[in-house]
């Protein structure tokens, strides 16, 4: 992944964390490498979104991107207050939006 793509992906995820997850004052500890996946079906995306909403991981007004045939994912470990949280974010194939998020 080029430096520009990496920065774009990090910004997109951080924006989603602030806007979609309503997080404040978090510090990213580790970013994984961005990787493609072909194994996430429409039903898996729906389950992931439902779990995220039911658990309070995302806000009620979260705006997800549409699923594409190939998704990219990145794992993020961040500090929030006294906790360290590890989550996976799934992005569309053009890296323009978050399709889903899950706790690891």
C-alpha atoms as a PDB file:
ATOM      1  CA  UNK A   1       0.000   0.000   0.000  1.00  0.00           C
ATOM      2  CA  UNK A   2       1.359   3.392  -0.895  1.00  0.00           C
ATOM      3  CA  UNK A   3       1.943   6.061   1.717  1.00  0.00           C
ATOM      4  CA  UNK A   4      -0.988   8.081   0.324  1.00  0.00           C
ATOM      5  CA  UNK A   5      -3.368   5.117   0.506  1.00  0.00           C
ATOM      6  CA  UNK A   6      -2.202   4.356   4.034  1.00  0.00           C
ATOM      7  CA  UNK A   7      -2.852   7.923   5.194  1.00  0.00           C
ATOM      8  CA  UNK A   8      -6.241   7.970   3.419  1.00  0.00           C
ATOM      9  CA  UNK A   9      -7.254   4.695   5.101  1.00  0.00           C
ATOM     10  CA  UNK A  10      -6.130   5.853   8.546  1.00  0.00           C
ATOM     11  CA  UNK A  11      -8.021   9.142   8.161  1.00  0.00           C
ATOM     12  CA  UNK A  12     -11.151   7.353   6.975  1.00  0.00           C
ATOM     13  CA  UNK A  13     -11.103   4.967   9.947  1.00  0.00           C
ATOM     14  CA  UNK A  14     -10.365   7.732  12.462  1.00  0.00           C
ATOM     15  CA  UNK A  15     -13.206   9.853  11.030  1.00  0.00           C
ATOM     16  CA  UNK A  16     -15.555   6.869  11.371  1.00  0.00           C
ATOM     17  CA  UNK A  17     -14.400   6.327  14.958  1.00  0.00           C
ATOM     18  CA  UNK A  18     -15.175   9.960  15.789  1.00  0.00           C
ATOM     19  CA  UNK A  19     -18.416  10.319  13.840  1.00  0.00           C
ATOM     20  CA  UNK A  20     -19.921   6.828  13.629  1.00  0.00           C
ATOM     21  CA  UNK A  21     -18.692   5.508  16.966  1.00  0.00           C
ATOM     22  CA  UNK A  22     -18.771   8.845  18.833  1.00  0.00           C
ATOM     23  CA  UNK A  23     -15.285   8.318  20.285  1.00  0.00           C
ATOM     24  CA  UNK A  24     -13.240  11.151  21.703  1.00  0.00           C
ATOM     25  CA  UNK A  25      -9.697  11.286  23.025  1.00  0.00           C
ATOM     26  CA  UNK A  26      -8.535   7.946  21.678  1.00  0.00           C
ATOM     27  CA  UNK A  27      -4.933   7.225  20.750  1.00  0.00           C
ATOM     28  CA  UNK A  28      -4.138   4.686  18.042  1.00  0.00           C
ATOM     29  CA  UNK A  29      -1.430   2.321  19.286  1.00  0.00           C
ATOM     30  CA  UNK A  30      -1.060   0.003  16.258  1.00  0.00           C
ATOM     31  CA  UNK A  31      -2.378  -0.185  12.705  1.00  0.00           C
ATOM     32  CA  UNK A  32      -2.208  -3.496  10.836  1.00  0.00           C
ATOM     33  CA  UNK A  33      -1.529  -3.581   7.134  1.00  0.00           C
ATOM     34  CA  UNK A  34      -4.540  -3.101   4.873  1.00  0.00           C
ATOM     35  CA  UNK A  35      -5.515  -6.423   3.301  1.00  0.00           C
ATOM     36  CA  UNK A  36      -8.192  -7.529   0.822  1.00  0.00           C
ATOM     37  CA  UNK A  37     -10.806 -10.162   1.584  1.00  0.00           C
ATOM     38  CA  UNK A  38     -13.281 -11.913  -0.667  1.00  0.00           C
ATOM     39  CA  UNK A  39     -14.996 -13.984   2.025  1.00  0.00           C
ATOM     40  CA  UNK A  40     -17.370 -11.439   3.567  1.00  0.00           C
ATOM     41  CA  UNK A  41     -20.894 -12.011   2.268  1.00  0.00           C
ATOM     42  CA  UNK A  42     -23.854  -9.625   2.362  1.00  0.00           C
ATOM     43  CA  UNK A  43     -25.329 -11.601   5.264  1.00  0.00           C
ATOM     44  CA  UNK A  44     -22.086 -11.396   7.253  1.00  0.00           C
ATOM     45  CA  UNK A  45     -22.026  -7.622   6.727  1.00  0.00           C
ATOM     46  CA  UNK A  46     -25.622  -7.389   7.966  1.00  0.00           C
ATOM     47  CA  UNK A  47     -24.852  -9.471  11.078  1.00  0.00           C
ATOM     48  CA  UNK A  48     -21.745  -7.358  11.762  1.00  0.00           C
ATOM     49  CA  UNK A  49     -23.747  -4.131  11.469  1.00  0.00           C
ATOM     50  CA  UNK A  50     -26.547  -5.458  13.686  1.00  0.00           C
ATOM     51  CA  UNK A  51     -24.107  -6.586  16.395  1.00  0.00           C
ATOM     52  CA  UNK A  52     -22.318  -3.236  16.287  1.00  0.00           C
ATOM     53  CA  UNK A  53     -25.627  -1.384  16.703  1.00  0.00           C
ATOM     54  CA  UNK A  54     -26.980  -3.675  19.452  1.00  0.00           C
ATOM     55  CA  UNK A  55     -23.767  -3.488  21.457  1.00  0.00           C
ATOM     56  CA  UNK A  56     -23.618   0.299  21.241  1.00  0.00           C
ATOM     57  CA  UNK A  57     -20.350   0.146  19.317  1.00  0.00           C
ATOM     58  CA  UNK A  58     -21.772   2.533  16.712  1.00  0.00           C
ATOM     59  CA  UNK A  59     -24.300   5.333  16.988  1.00  0.00           C
ATOM     60  CA  UNK A  60     -27.846   5.033  15.687  1.00  0.00           C
ATOM     61  CA  UNK A  61     -27.170   7.430  12.826  1.00  0.00           C
ATOM     62  CA  UNK A  62     -24.053   5.671  11.518  1.00  0.00           C
ATOM     63  CA  UNK A  63     -23.550   5.963   7.775  1.00  0.00           C
ATOM     64  CA  UNK A  64     -22.002   2.845   6.226  1.00  0.00           C
ATOM     65  CA  UNK A  65     -20.667   2.517   2.699  1.00  0.00           C
ATOM     66  CA  UNK A  66     -22.183  -0.072   0.379  1.00  0.00           C
ATOM     67  CA  UNK A  67     -20.563  -3.491   0.266  1.00  0.00           C
ATOM     68  CA  UNK A  68     -18.391  -4.234  -2.755  1.00  0.00           C
ATOM     69  CA  UNK A  69     -17.345  -7.670  -4.046  1.00  0.00           C
ATOM     70  CA  UNK A  70     -13.871  -7.218  -2.594  1.00  0.00           C
ATOM     71  CA  UNK A  71     -13.489  -5.570   0.782  1.00  0.00           C
ATOM     72  CA  UNK A  72     -10.351  -4.305   2.437  1.00  0.00           C
ATOM     73  CA  UNK A  73      -9.827  -4.646   6.145  1.00  0.00           C
ATOM     74  CA  UNK A  74      -7.526  -3.112   8.690  1.00  0.00           C
ATOM     75  CA  UNK A  75      -7.140  -3.923  12.369  1.00  0.00           C
ATOM     76  CA  UNK A  76      -6.676  -1.095  14.821  1.00  0.00           C
ATOM     77  CA  UNK A  77      -5.555  -1.225  18.416  1.00  0.00           C
ATOM     78  CA  UNK A  78      -6.211   1.983  20.343  1.00  0.00           C
ATOM     79  CA  UNK A  79      -6.217   3.331  23.864  1.00  0.00           C
ATOM     80  CA  UNK A  80      -9.399   4.860  25.246  1.00  0.00           C
ATOM     81  CA  UNK A  81      -9.281   6.040  28.840  1.00  0.00           C
ATOM     82  CA  UNK A  82      -7.686   3.075  30.677  1.00  0.00           C
ATOM     83  CA  UNK A  83      -8.653   0.417  28.122  1.00  0.00           C
ATOM     84  CA  UNK A  84      -6.905  -0.928  25.044  1.00  0.00           C
ATOM     85  CA  UNK A  85      -9.394  -1.865  22.337  1.00  0.00           C
ATOM     86  CA  UNK A  86      -8.783  -3.996  19.237  1.00  0.00           C
ATOM     87  CA  UNK A  87     -11.208  -3.749  16.306  1.00  0.00           C
ATOM     88  CA  UNK A  88     -11.382  -4.621  12.627  1.00  0.00           C
ATOM     89  CA  UNK A  89     -12.731  -2.152  10.079  1.00  0.00           C
ATOM     90  CA  UNK A  90     -13.947  -3.268   6.652  1.00  0.00           C
ATOM     91  CA  UNK A  91     -13.698  -0.771   3.809  1.00  0.00           C
ATOM     92  CA  UNK A  92     -15.073  -0.794   0.267  1.00  0.00           C
ATOM     93  CA  UNK A  93     -12.795  -1.616  -2.648  1.00  0.00           C
ATOM     94  CA  UNK A  94     -12.115   2.061  -3.493  1.00  0.00           C
ATOM     95  CA  UNK A  95     -11.275   2.974   0.131  1.00  0.00           C
ATOM     96  CA  UNK A  96     -14.046   5.565   0.238  1.00  0.00           C
ATOM     97  CA  UNK A  97     -16.117   4.300   3.173  1.00  0.00           C
ATOM     98  CA  UNK A  98     -16.484   1.884   6.079  1.00  0.00           C
ATOM     99  CA  UNK A  99     -18.713  -1.106   5.312  1.00  0.00           C
ATOM    100  CA  UNK A 100     -18.619  -2.634   8.798  1.00  0.00           C
ATOM    101  CA  UNK A 101     -16.747  -2.831  12.076  1.00  0.00           C
ATOM    102  CA  UNK A 102     -16.327  -5.538  14.685  1.00  0.00           C
ATOM    103  CA  UNK A 103     -14.622  -6.027  18.030  1.00  0.00           C
ATOM    104  CA  UNK A 104     -11.811  -8.549  18.082  1.00  0.00           C
END
